[in-house]
ModelCIF file with pLDDT and N, C-alpha, C, O atoms, coordinates in Angstrom:
data_MODEL
#
_entry.id   MODEL 
#
_entity.id                         1 
_entity.type                       polymer 
_entity.pdbx_number_of_molecules   1 
#
_entity_poly.entity_id                      1 
_entity_poly.type                           'polypeptide(L)' 
_entity_poly.nstd_linkage                   no 
_entity_poly.nstd_monomer                   no 
_entity_poly.pdbx_seq_one_letter_code       GQLKEITVQKGDHVSEGQVIGKVADPTKYYSMEGSNLYYQVKEKQEP 
_entity_poly.pdbx_seq_one_letter_code_can   GQLKEITVQKGDHVSEGQVIGKVADPTKYYSMEGSNLYYQVKEKQEP 
_entity_poly.pdbx_strand_id                 A 
#
loop_
_entity_poly_seq.entity_id 
_entity_poly_seq.num 
_entity_poly_seq.mon_id 
_entity_poly_seq.hetero 
1 1  GLY n 
1 2  GLN n 
1 3  LEU n 
1 4  LYS n 
1 5  GLU n 
1 6  ILE n 
1 7  THR n 
1 8  VAL n 
1 9  GLN n 
1 10 LYS n 
1 11 GLY n 
1 12 ASP n 
1 13 HIS n 
1 14 VAL n 
1 15 SER n 
1 16 GLU n 
1 17 GLY n 
1 18 GLN n 
1 19 VAL n 
1 20 ILE n 
1 21 GLY n 
1 22 LYS n 
1 23 VAL n 
1 24 ALA n 
1 25 ASP n 
1 26 PRO n 
1 27 THR n 
1 28 LYS n 
1 29 TYR n 
1 30 TYR n 
1 31 SER n 
1 32 MET n 
1 33 GLU n 
1 34 GLY n 
1 35 SER n 
1 36 ASN n 
1 37 LEU n 
1 38 TYR n 
1 39 TYR n 
1 40 GLN n 
1 41 VAL n 
1 42 LYS n 
1 43 GLU n 
1 44 LYS n 
1 45 GLN n 
1 46 GLU n 
1 47 PRO n 
#
_struct_asym.id          A 
_struct_asym.entity_id   1 
#
loop_
_ma_qa_metric.id 
_ma_qa_metric.mode 
_ma_qa_metric.name 
_ma_qa_metric.software_group_id 
_ma_qa_metric.type 
1 global pLDDT . pLDDT 
2 local  pLDDT . pLDDT 
#
_ma_qa_metric_global.metric_id      1 
_ma_qa_metric_global.metric_value   97.34 
_ma_qa_metric_global.model_id       1 
_ma_qa_metric_global.ordinal_id     1 
#
loop_
_ma_qa_metric_local.label_asym_id 
_ma_qa_metric_local.label_comp_id 
_ma_qa_metric_local.label_seq_id 
_ma_qa_metric_local.metric_id 
_ma_qa_metric_local.metric_value 
_ma_qa_metric_local.model_id 
_ma_qa_metric_local.ordinal_id 
A GLY 1  2 98.00 1 1  
A GLN 2  2 98.00 1 2  
A LEU 3  2 98.00 1 3  
A LYS 4  2 98.00 1 4  
A GLU 5  2 98.00 1 5  
A ILE 6  2 98.00 1 6  
A THR 7  2 97.00 1 7  
A VAL 8  2 98.00 1 8  
A GLN 9  2 97.00 1 9  
A LYS 10 2 97.00 1 10 
A GLY 11 2 97.00 1 11 
A ASP 12 2 98.00 1 12 
A HIS 13 2 98.00 1 13 
A VAL 14 2 98.00 1 14 
A SER 15 2 97.00 1 15 
A GLU 16 2 98.00 1 16 
A GLY 17 2 98.00 1 17 
A GLN 18 2 98.00 1 18 
A VAL 19 2 98.00 1 19 
A ILE 20 2 98.00 1 20 
A GLY 21 2 98.00 1 21 
A LYS 22 2 98.00 1 22 
A VAL 23 2 98.00 1 23 
A ALA 24 2 98.00 1 24 
A ASP 25 2 98.00 1 25 
A PRO 26 2 97.00 1 26 
A THR 27 2 97.00 1 27 
A LYS 28 2 96.00 1 28 
A TYR 29 2 96.00 1 29 
A TYR 30 2 97.00 1 30 
A SER 31 2 95.00 1 31 
A MET 32 2 96.00 1 32 
A GLU 33 2 95.00 1 33 
A GLY 34 2 96.00 1 34 
A SER 35 2 97.00 1 35 
A ASN 36 2 98.00 1 36 
A LEU 37 2 98.00 1 37 
A TYR 38 2 98.00 1 38 
A TYR 39 2 98.00 1 39 
A GLN 40 2 98.00 1 40 
A VAL 41 2 98.00 1 41 
A LYS 42 2 98.00 1 42 
A GLU 43 2 97.00 1 43 
A LYS 44 2 96.00 1 44 
A GLN 45 2 95.00 1 45 
A GLU 46 2 97.00 1 46 
A PRO 47 2 97.00 1 47 
#
loop_
_atom_site.group_PDB 
_atom_site.id 
_atom_site.type_symbol 
_atom_site.label_atom_id 
_atom_site.label_alt_id 
_atom_site.label_comp_id 
_atom_site.label_asym_id 
_atom_site.label_entity_id 
_atom_site.label_seq_id 
_atom_site.pdbx_PDB_ins_code 
_atom_site.Cartn_x 
_atom_site.Cartn_y 
_atom_site.Cartn_z 
_atom_site.occupancy 
_atom_site.B_iso_or_equiv 
_atom_site.pdbx_formal_charge 
_atom_site.auth_seq_id 
_atom_site.auth_comp_id 
_atom_site.auth_asym_id 
_atom_site.auth_atom_id 
_atom_site.pdbx_PDB_model_num 
ATOM 1   N N  . GLY A 1 1  ? 0.810  -1.215  0.000   1.00 98.00 ? 1  GLY A N  1 
ATOM 2   C CA . GLY A 1 1  ? 0.000  0.000   0.000   1.00 98.00 ? 1  GLY A CA 1 
ATOM 3   C C  . GLY A 1 1  ? 0.843  1.265   0.000   1.00 98.00 ? 1  GLY A C  1 
ATOM 4   O O  . GLY A 1 1  ? 2.042  1.236   0.277   1.00 98.00 ? 1  GLY A O  1 
ATOM 5   N N  . GLN A 1 2  ? 0.181  2.384   -0.321  1.00 98.00 ? 2  GLN A N  1 
ATOM 6   C CA . GLN A 1 2  ? 0.801  3.702   -0.408  1.00 98.00 ? 2  GLN A CA 1 
ATOM 7   C C  . GLN A 1 2  ? 1.877  3.732   -1.505  1.00 98.00 ? 2  GLN A C  1 
ATOM 8   O O  . GLN A 1 2  ? 3.030  4.097   -1.276  1.00 98.00 ? 2  GLN A O  1 
ATOM 9   N N  . LEU A 1 3  ? 1.443  3.331   -2.701  1.00 98.00 ? 3  LEU A N  1 
ATOM 10  C CA . LEU A 1 3  ? 2.344  3.278   -3.859  1.00 98.00 ? 3  LEU A CA 1 
ATOM 11  C C  . LEU A 1 3  ? 2.008  4.382   -4.856  1.00 98.00 ? 3  LEU A C  1 
ATOM 12  O O  . LEU A 1 3  ? 0.936  4.986   -4.824  1.00 98.00 ? 3  LEU A O  1 
ATOM 13  N N  . LYS A 1 4  ? 2.963  4.614   -5.732  1.00 98.00 ? 4  LYS A N  1 
ATOM 14  C CA . LYS A 1 4  ? 2.749  5.446   -6.912  1.00 98.00 ? 4  LYS A CA 1 
ATOM 15  C C  . LYS A 1 4  ? 3.638  4.891   -8.030  1.00 98.00 ? 4  LYS A C  1 
ATOM 16  O O  . LYS A 1 4  ? 4.534  4.082   -7.789  1.00 98.00 ? 4  LYS A O  1 
ATOM 17  N N  . GLU A 1 5  ? 3.374  5.334   -9.231  1.00 98.00 ? 5  GLU A N  1 
ATOM 18  C CA . GLU A 1 5  ? 4.165  4.905   -10.406 1.00 98.00 ? 5  GLU A CA 1 
ATOM 19  C C  . GLU A 1 5  ? 4.283  3.377   -10.455 1.00 98.00 ? 5  GLU A C  1 
ATOM 20  O O  . GLU A 1 5  ? 5.380  2.833   -10.586 1.00 98.00 ? 5  GLU A O  1 
ATOM 21  N N  . ILE A 1 6  ? 3.175  2.719   -10.353 1.00 98.00 ? 6  ILE A N  1 
ATOM 22  C CA . ILE A 1 6  ? 3.154  1.244   -10.413 1.00 98.00 ? 6  ILE A CA 1 
ATOM 23  C C  . ILE A 1 6  ? 3.559  0.801   -11.822 1.00 98.00 ? 6  ILE A C  1 
ATOM 24  O O  . ILE A 1 6  ? 3.060  1.327   -12.816 1.00 98.00 ? 6  ILE A O  1 
ATOM 25  N N  . THR A 1 7  ? 4.459  -0.160  -11.891 1.00 97.00 ? 7  THR A N  1 
ATOM 26  C CA . THR A 1 7  ? 5.048  -0.580  -13.174 1.00 97.00 ? 7  THR A CA 1 
ATOM 27  C C  . THR A 1 7  ? 4.412  -1.841  -13.755 1.00 97.00 ? 7  THR A C  1 
ATOM 28  O O  . THR A 1 7  ? 4.781  -2.258  -14.853 1.00 97.00 ? 7  THR A O  1 
ATOM 29  N N  . VAL A 1 8  ? 3.476  -2.451  -13.052 1.00 98.00 ? 8  VAL A N  1 
ATOM 30  C CA . VAL A 1 8  ? 2.854  -3.690  -13.526 1.00 98.00 ? 8  VAL A CA 1 
ATOM 31  C C  . VAL A 1 8  ? 1.344  -3.494  -13.602 1.00 98.00 ? 8  VAL A C  1 
ATOM 32  O O  . VAL A 1 8  ? 0.798  -2.503  -13.116 1.00 98.00 ? 8  VAL A O  1 
ATOM 33  N N  . GLN A 1 9  ? 0.691  -4.464  -14.224 1.00 97.00 ? 9  GLN A N  1 
ATOM 34  C CA . GLN A 1 9  ? -0.755 -4.413  -14.376 1.00 97.00 ? 9  GLN A CA 1 
ATOM 35  C C  . GLN A 1 9  ? -1.384 -5.691  -13.835 1.00 97.00 ? 9  GLN A C  1 
ATOM 36  O O  . GLN A 1 9  ? -0.697 -6.680  -13.580 1.00 97.00 ? 9  GLN A O  1 
ATOM 37  N N  . LYS A 1 10 ? -2.669 -5.654  -13.668 1.00 97.00 ? 10 LYS A N  1 
ATOM 38  C CA . LYS A 1 10 ? -3.397 -6.822  -13.200 1.00 97.00 ? 10 LYS A CA 1 
ATOM 39  C C  . LYS A 1 10 ? -3.216 -7.970  -14.192 1.00 97.00 ? 10 LYS A C  1 
ATOM 40  O O  . LYS A 1 10 ? -3.375 -7.802  -15.401 1.00 97.00 ? 10 LYS A O  1 
ATOM 41  N N  . GLY A 1 11 ? -2.875 -9.147  -13.644 1.00 97.00 ? 11 GLY A N  1 
ATOM 42  C CA . GLY A 1 11 ? -2.642 -10.318 -14.489 1.00 97.00 ? 11 GLY A CA 1 
ATOM 43  C C  . GLY A 1 11 ? -1.193 -10.558 -14.835 1.00 97.00 ? 11 GLY A C  1 
ATOM 44  O O  . GLY A 1 11 ? -0.851 -11.624 -15.347 1.00 97.00 ? 11 GLY A O  1 
ATOM 45  N N  . ASP A 1 12 ? -0.318 -9.576  -14.565 1.00 98.00 ? 12 ASP A N  1 
ATOM 46  C CA . ASP A 1 12 ? 1.107  -9.738  -14.879 1.00 98.00 ? 12 ASP A CA 1 
ATOM 47  C C  . ASP A 1 12 ? 1.766  -10.733 -13.934 1.00 98.00 ? 12 ASP A C  1 
ATOM 48  O O  . ASP A 1 12 ? 1.439  -10.813 -12.750 1.00 98.00 ? 12 ASP A O  1 
ATOM 49  N N  . HIS A 1 13 ? 2.714  -11.495 -14.501 1.00 98.00 ? 13 HIS A N  1 
ATOM 50  C CA . HIS A 1 13 ? 3.553  -12.350 -13.668 1.00 98.00 ? 13 HIS A CA 1 
ATOM 51  C C  . HIS A 1 13 ? 4.763  -11.536 -13.224 1.00 98.00 ? 13 HIS A C  1 
ATOM 52  O O  . HIS A 1 13 ? 5.434  -10.912 -14.046 1.00 98.00 ? 13 HIS A O  1 
ATOM 53  N N  . VAL A 1 14 ? 5.034  -11.544 -11.939 1.00 98.00 ? 14 VAL A N  1 
ATOM 54  C CA . VAL A 1 14 ? 6.115  -10.736 -11.367 1.00 98.00 ? 14 VAL A CA 1 
ATOM 55  C C  . VAL A 1 14 ? 7.136  -11.655 -10.718 1.00 98.00 ? 14 VAL A C  1 
ATOM 56  O O  . VAL A 1 14 ? 6.781  -12.622 -10.044 1.00 98.00 ? 14 VAL A O  1 
ATOM 57  N N  . SER A 1 15 ? 8.407  -11.342 -10.929 1.00 97.00 ? 15 SER A N  1 
ATOM 58  C CA . SER A 1 15 ? 9.482  -12.128 -10.326 1.00 97.00 ? 15 SER A CA 1 
ATOM 59  C C  . SER A 1 15 ? 9.948  -11.495 -9.032  1.00 97.00 ? 15 SER A C  1 
ATOM 60  O O  . SER A 1 15 ? 9.840  -10.284 -8.840  1.00 97.00 ? 15 SER A O  1 
ATOM 61  N N  . GLU A 1 16 ? 10.463 -12.326 -8.152  1.00 98.00 ? 16 GLU A N  1 
ATOM 62  C CA . GLU A 1 16 ? 10.990 -11.822 -6.876  1.00 98.00 ? 16 GLU A CA 1 
ATOM 63  C C  . GLU A 1 16 ? 12.087 -10.791 -7.142  1.00 98.00 ? 16 GLU A C  1 
ATOM 64  O O  . GLU A 1 16 ? 12.971 -11.009 -7.970  1.00 98.00 ? 16 GLU A O  1 
ATOM 65  N N  . GLY A 1 17 ? 12.017 -9.659  -6.425  1.00 98.00 ? 17 GLY A N  1 
ATOM 66  C CA . GLY A 1 17 ? 13.010 -8.604  -6.591  1.00 98.00 ? 17 GLY A CA 1 
ATOM 67  C C  . GLY A 1 17 ? 12.686 -7.611  -7.674  1.00 98.00 ? 17 GLY A C  1 
ATOM 68  O O  . GLY A 1 17 ? 13.372 -6.597  -7.803  1.00 98.00 ? 17 GLY A O  1 
ATOM 69  N N  . GLN A 1 18 ? 11.647 -7.874  -8.467  1.00 98.00 ? 18 GLN A N  1 
ATOM 70  C CA . GLN A 1 18 ? 11.266 -6.955  -9.542  1.00 98.00 ? 18 GLN A CA 1 
ATOM 71  C C  . GLN A 1 18 ? 10.631 -5.699  -8.951  1.00 98.00 ? 18 GLN A C  1 
ATOM 72  O O  . GLN A 1 18 ? 9.821  -5.785  -8.029  1.00 98.00 ? 18 GLN A O  1 
ATOM 73  N N  . VAL A 1 19 ? 10.994 -4.546  -9.476  1.00 98.00 ? 19 VAL A N  1 
ATOM 74  C CA . VAL A 1 19 ? 10.417 -3.281  -9.007  1.00 98.00 ? 19 VAL A CA 1 
ATOM 75  C C  . VAL A 1 19 ? 8.972  -3.188  -9.487  1.00 98.00 ? 19 VAL A C  1 
ATOM 76  O O  . VAL A 1 19 ? 8.692  -3.318  -10.678 1.00 98.00 ? 19 VAL A O  1 
ATOM 77  N N  . ILE A 1 20 ? 8.066  -2.963  -8.549  1.00 98.00 ? 20 ILE A N  1 
ATOM 78  C CA . ILE A 1 20 ? 6.649  -2.902  -8.899  1.00 98.00 ? 20 ILE A CA 1 
ATOM 79  C C  . ILE A 1 20 ? 6.073  -1.485  -8.758  1.00 98.00 ? 20 ILE A C  1 
ATOM 80  O O  . ILE A 1 20 ? 4.943  -1.233  -9.177  1.00 98.00 ? 20 ILE A O  1 
ATOM 81  N N  . GLY A 1 21 ? 6.833  -0.577  -8.181  1.00 98.00 ? 21 GLY A N  1 
ATOM 82  C CA . GLY A 1 21 ? 6.367  0.794   -8.023  1.00 98.00 ? 21 GLY A CA 1 
ATOM 83  C C  . GLY A 1 21 ? 7.270  1.570   -7.080  1.00 98.00 ? 21 GLY A C  1 
ATOM 84  O O  . GLY A 1 21 ? 8.370  1.130   -6.746  1.00 98.00 ? 21 GLY A O  1 
ATOM 85  N N  . LYS A 1 22 ? 6.791  2.730   -6.656  1.00 98.00 ? 22 LYS A N  1 
ATOM 86  C CA . LYS A 1 22 ? 7.560  3.577   -5.747  1.00 98.00 ? 22 LYS A CA 1 
ATOM 87  C C  . LYS A 1 22 ? 6.665  4.024   -4.583  1.00 98.00 ? 22 LYS A C  1 
ATOM 88  O O  . LYS A 1 22 ? 5.437  3.983   -4.663  1.00 98.00 ? 22 LYS A O  1 
ATOM 89  N N  . VAL A 1 23 ? 7.323  4.452   -3.503  1.00 98.00 ? 23 VAL A N  1 
ATOM 90  C CA . VAL A 1 23 ? 6.591  4.902   -2.314  1.00 98.00 ? 23 VAL A CA 1 
ATOM 91  C C  . VAL A 1 23 ? 5.999  6.283   -2.582  1.00 98.00 ? 23 VAL A C  1 
ATOM 92  O O  . VAL A 1 23 ? 6.671  7.187   -3.079  1.00 98.00 ? 23 VAL A O  1 
ATOM 93  N N  . ALA A 1 24 ? 4.714  6.414   -2.233  1.00 98.00 ? 24 ALA A N  1 
ATOM 94  C CA . ALA A 1 24 ? 4.003  7.684   -2.438  1.00 98.00 ? 24 ALA A CA 1 
ATOM 95  C C  . ALA A 1 24 ? 3.940  8.485   -1.131  1.00 98.00 ? 24 ALA A C  1 
ATOM 96  O O  . ALA A 1 24 ? 4.368  8.017   -0.076  1.00 98.00 ? 24 ALA A O  1 
ATOM 97  N N  . ASP A 1 25 ? 3.406  9.679   -1.227  1.00 98.00 ? 25 ASP A N  1 
ATOM 98  C CA . ASP A 1 25 ? 3.162  10.465  -0.004  1.00 98.00 ? 25 ASP A CA 1 
ATOM 99  C C  . ASP A 1 25 ? 2.146  9.724   0.867   1.00 98.00 ? 25 ASP A C  1 
ATOM 100 O O  . ASP A 1 25 ? 1.244  9.077   0.333   1.00 98.00 ? 25 ASP A O  1 
ATOM 101 N N  . PRO A 1 26 ? 2.269  9.801   2.167   1.00 97.00 ? 26 PRO A N  1 
ATOM 102 C CA . PRO A 1 26 ? 1.350  9.070   3.047   1.00 97.00 ? 26 PRO A CA 1 
ATOM 103 C C  . PRO A 1 26 ? -0.068 9.625   2.960   1.00 97.00 ? 26 PRO A C  1 
ATOM 104 O O  . PRO A 1 26 ? -0.275 10.814  2.718   1.00 97.00 ? 26 PRO A O  1 
ATOM 105 N N  . THR A 1 27 ? -1.025 8.746   3.160   1.00 97.00 ? 27 THR A N  1 
ATOM 106 C CA . THR A 1 27 ? -2.422 9.195   3.214   1.00 97.00 ? 27 THR A CA 1 
ATOM 107 C C  . THR A 1 27 ? -2.671 9.928   4.537   1.00 97.00 ? 27 THR A C  1 
ATOM 108 O O  . THR A 1 27 ? -1.789 9.999   5.392   1.00 97.00 ? 27 THR A O  1 
ATOM 109 N N  . LYS A 1 28 ? -3.875 10.467  4.690   1.00 96.00 ? 28 LYS A N  1 
ATOM 110 C CA . LYS A 1 28 ? -4.221 11.200  5.909   1.00 96.00 ? 28 LYS A CA 1 
ATOM 111 C C  . LYS A 1 28 ? -4.251 10.301  7.151   1.00 96.00 ? 28 LYS A C  1 
ATOM 112 O O  . LYS A 1 28 ? -4.248 10.785  8.283   1.00 96.00 ? 28 LYS A O  1 
ATOM 113 N N  . TYR A 1 29 ? -4.280 8.986   6.916   1.00 96.00 ? 29 TYR A N  1 
ATOM 114 C CA . TYR A 1 29 ? -4.285 8.060   8.045   1.00 96.00 ? 29 TYR A CA 1 
ATOM 115 C C  . TYR A 1 29 ? -2.890 7.897   8.649   1.00 96.00 ? 29 TYR A C  1 
ATOM 116 O O  . TYR A 1 29 ? -2.753 7.412   9.771   1.00 96.00 ? 29 TYR A O  1 
ATOM 117 N N  . TYR A 1 30 ? -1.845 8.305   7.901   1.00 97.00 ? 30 TYR A N  1 
ATOM 118 C CA . TYR A 1 30 ? -0.467 8.110   8.371   1.00 97.00 ? 30 TYR A CA 1 
ATOM 119 C C  . TYR A 1 30 ? 0.353  9.401   8.234   1.00 97.00 ? 30 TYR A C  1 
ATOM 120 O O  . TYR A 1 30 ? 1.573  9.349   8.076   1.00 97.00 ? 30 TYR A O  1 
ATOM 121 N N  . SER A 1 31 ? -0.307 10.535  8.292   1.00 95.00 ? 31 SER A N  1 
ATOM 122 C CA . SER A 1 31 ? 0.419  11.798  8.122   1.00 95.00 ? 31 SER A CA 1 
ATOM 123 C C  . SER A 1 31 ? 1.416  12.041  9.248   1.00 95.00 ? 31 SER A C  1 
ATOM 124 O O  . SER A 1 31 ? 2.486  12.601  9.006   1.00 95.00 ? 31 SER A O  1 
ATOM 125 N N  . MET A 1 32 ? 1.097  11.639  10.455  1.00 96.00 ? 32 MET A N  1 
ATOM 126 C CA . MET A 1 32 ? 2.005  11.821  11.589  1.00 96.00 ? 32 MET A CA 1 
ATOM 127 C C  . MET A 1 32 ? 3.148  10.810  11.578  1.00 96.00 ? 32 MET A C  1 
ATOM 128 O O  . MET A 1 32 ? 4.256  11.120  12.016  1.00 96.00 ? 32 MET A O  1 
ATOM 129 N N  . GLU A 1 33 ? 2.891  9.638   11.093  1.00 95.00 ? 33 GLU A N  1 
ATOM 130 C CA . GLU A 1 33 ? 3.941  8.593   11.035  1.00 95.00 ? 33 GLU A CA 1 
ATOM 131 C C  . GLU A 1 33 ? 4.949  8.886   9.918   1.00 95.00 ? 33 GLU A C  1 
ATOM 132 O O  . GLU A 1 33 ? 6.096  8.442   9.978   1.00 95.00 ? 33 GLU A O  1 
ATOM 133 N N  . GLY A 1 34 ? 4.520  9.624   8.916   1.00 96.00 ? 34 GLY A N  1 
ATOM 134 C CA . GLY A 1 34 ? 5.417  9.938   7.809   1.00 96.00 ? 34 GLY A CA 1 
ATOM 135 C C  . GLY A 1 34 ? 5.270  8.944   6.659   1.00 96.00 ? 34 GLY A C  1 
ATOM 136 O O  . GLY A 1 34 ? 4.485  7.999   6.734   1.00 96.00 ? 34 GLY A O  1 
ATOM 137 N N  . SER A 1 35 ? 6.047  9.176   5.583   1.00 97.00 ? 35 SER A N  1 
ATOM 138 C CA . SER A 1 35 ? 5.945  8.305   4.395   1.00 97.00 ? 35 SER A CA 1 
ATOM 139 C C  . SER A 1 35 ? 6.343  6.879   4.772   1.00 97.00 ? 35 SER A C  1 
ATOM 140 O O  . SER A 1 35 ? 7.276  6.657   5.545   1.00 97.00 ? 35 SER A O  1 
ATOM 141 N N  . ASN A 1 36 ? 5.619  5.932   4.212   1.00 98.00 ? 36 ASN A N  1 
ATOM 142 C CA . ASN A 1 36 ? 5.855  4.531   4.583   1.00 98.00 ? 36 ASN A CA 1 
ATOM 143 C C  . ASN A 1 36 ? 5.253  3.597   3.539   1.00 98.00 ? 36 ASN A C  1 
ATOM 144 O O  . ASN A 1 36 ? 4.525  4.015   2.639   1.00 98.00 ? 36 ASN A O  1 
ATOM 145 N N  . LEU A 1 37 ? 5.582  2.326   3.694   1.00 98.00 ? 37 LEU A N  1 
ATOM 146 C CA . LEU A 1 37 ? 4.991  1.279   2.858   1.00 98.00 ? 37 LEU A CA 1 
ATOM 147 C C  . LEU A 1 37 ? 4.069  0.450   3.742   1.00 98.00 ? 37 LEU A C  1 
ATOM 148 O O  . LEU A 1 37 ? 4.460  -0.052  4.796   1.00 98.00 ? 37 LEU A O  1 
ATOM 149 N N  . TYR A 1 38 ? 2.860  0.329   3.283   1.00 98.00 ? 38 TYR A N  1 
ATOM 150 C CA . TYR A 1 38 ? 1.899  -0.541  3.972   1.00 98.00 ? 38 TYR A CA 1 
ATOM 151 C C  . TYR A 1 38 ? 2.105  -1.948  3.409   1.00 98.00 ? 38 TYR A C  1 
ATOM 152 O O  . TYR A 1 38 ? 1.963  -2.169  2.207   1.00 98.00 ? 38 TYR A O  1 
ATOM 153 N N  . TYR A 1 39 ? 2.449  -2.919  4.307   1.00 98.00 ? 39 TYR A N  1 
ATOM 154 C CA . TYR A 1 39 ? 2.844  -4.252  3.839   1.00 98.00 ? 39 TYR A CA 1 
ATOM 155 C C  . TYR A 1 39 ? 2.039  -5.301  4.599   1.00 98.00 ? 39 TYR A C  1 
ATOM 156 O O  . TYR A 1 39 ? 2.174  -5.458  5.813   1.00 98.00 ? 39 TYR A O  1 
ATOM 157 N N  . GLN A 1 40 ? 1.197  -6.014  3.851   1.00 98.00 ? 40 GLN A N  1 
ATOM 158 C CA . GLN A 1 40 ? 0.308  -6.992  4.478   1.00 98.00 ? 40 GLN A CA 1 
ATOM 159 C C  . GLN A 1 40 ? 0.424  -8.359  3.802   1.00 98.00 ? 40 GLN A C  1 
ATOM 160 O O  . GLN A 1 40 ? 0.484  -8.457  2.576   1.00 98.00 ? 40 GLN A O  1 
ATOM 161 N N  . VAL A 1 41 ? 0.455  -9.422  4.631   1.00 98.00 ? 41 VAL A N  1 
ATOM 162 C CA . VAL A 1 41 ? 0.494  -10.804 4.127   1.00 98.00 ? 41 VAL A CA 1 
ATOM 163 C C  . VAL A 1 41 ? -0.732 -11.530 4.661   1.00 98.00 ? 41 VAL A C  1 
ATOM 164 O O  . VAL A 1 41 ? -1.082 -11.427 5.837   1.00 98.00 ? 41 VAL A O  1 
ATOM 165 N N  . LYS A 1 42 ? -1.383 -12.279 3.744   1.00 98.00 ? 42 LYS A N  1 
ATOM 166 C CA . LYS A 1 42 ? -2.542 -13.069 4.151   1.00 98.00 ? 42 LYS A CA 1 
ATOM 167 C C  . LYS A 1 42 ? -2.372 -14.523 3.728   1.00 98.00 ? 42 LYS A C  1 
ATOM 168 O O  . LYS A 1 42 ? -1.760 -14.819 2.702   1.00 98.00 ? 42 LYS A O  1 
ATOM 169 N N  . GLU A 1 43 ? -2.923 -15.421 4.532   1.00 97.00 ? 43 GLU A N  1 
ATOM 170 C CA . GLU A 1 43 ? -3.004 -16.834 4.187   1.00 97.00 ? 43 GLU A CA 1 
ATOM 171 C C  . GLU A 1 43 ? -4.475 -17.237 4.280   1.00 97.00 ? 43 GLU A C  1 
ATOM 172 O O  . GLU A 1 43 ? -5.105 -17.123 5.331   1.00 97.00 ? 43 GLU A O  1 
ATOM 173 N N  . LYS A 1 44 ? -4.997 -17.707 3.159   1.00 96.00 ? 44 LYS A N  1 
ATOM 174 C CA . LYS A 1 44 ? -6.417 -18.051 3.085   1.00 96.00 ? 44 LYS A CA 1 
ATOM 175 C C  . LYS A 1 44 ? -7.286 -16.867 3.514   1.00 96.00 ? 44 LYS A C  1 
ATOM 176 O O  . LYS A 1 44 ? -8.249 -17.017 4.267   1.00 96.00 ? 44 LYS A O  1 
ATOM 177 N N  . GLN A 1 45 ? -6.920 -15.697 3.016   1.00 95.00 ? 45 GLN A N  1 
ATOM 178 C CA . GLN A 1 45 ? -7.661 -14.453 3.247   1.00 95.00 ? 45 GLN A CA 1 
ATOM 179 C C  . GLN A 1 45 ? -7.599 -13.945 4.691   1.00 95.00 ? 45 GLN A C  1 
ATOM 180 O O  . GLN A 1 45 ? -8.309 -13.007 5.053   1.00 95.00 ? 45 GLN A O  1 
ATOM 181 N N  . GLU A 1 46 ? -6.763 -14.560 5.500   1.00 97.00 ? 46 GLU A N  1 
ATOM 182 C CA . GLU A 1 46 ? -6.608 -14.118 6.886   1.00 97.00 ? 46 GLU A CA 1 
ATOM 183 C C  . GLU A 1 46 ? -5.217 -13.515 7.076   1.00 97.00 ? 46 GLU A C  1 
ATOM 184 O O  . GLU A 1 46 ? -4.225 -14.124 6.675   1.00 97.00 ? 46 GLU A O  1 
ATOM 185 N N  . PRO A 1 47 ? -5.127 -12.313 7.690   1.00 97.00 ? 47 PRO A N  1 
ATOM 186 C CA . PRO A 1 47 ? -3.815 -11.679 7.899   1.00 97.00 ? 47 PRO A CA 1 
ATOM 187 C C  . PRO A 1 47 ? -2.909 -12.538 8.788   1.00 97.00 ? 47 PRO A C  1 
ATOM 188 O O  . PRO A 1 47 ? -1.773 -12.155 9.064   1.00 97.00 ? 47 PRO A O  1 
#
């Protein structure tokens, strides 16, 4: 999350280490924390 300039599209196959985008300005939910990457992993739709 919190990306910009995404380099891939839906349906693309991506390799490990491939650049998929860049970090964007934080949303209003994280303005105090500063710019960041929102990173979430799920297994069977559960975080």
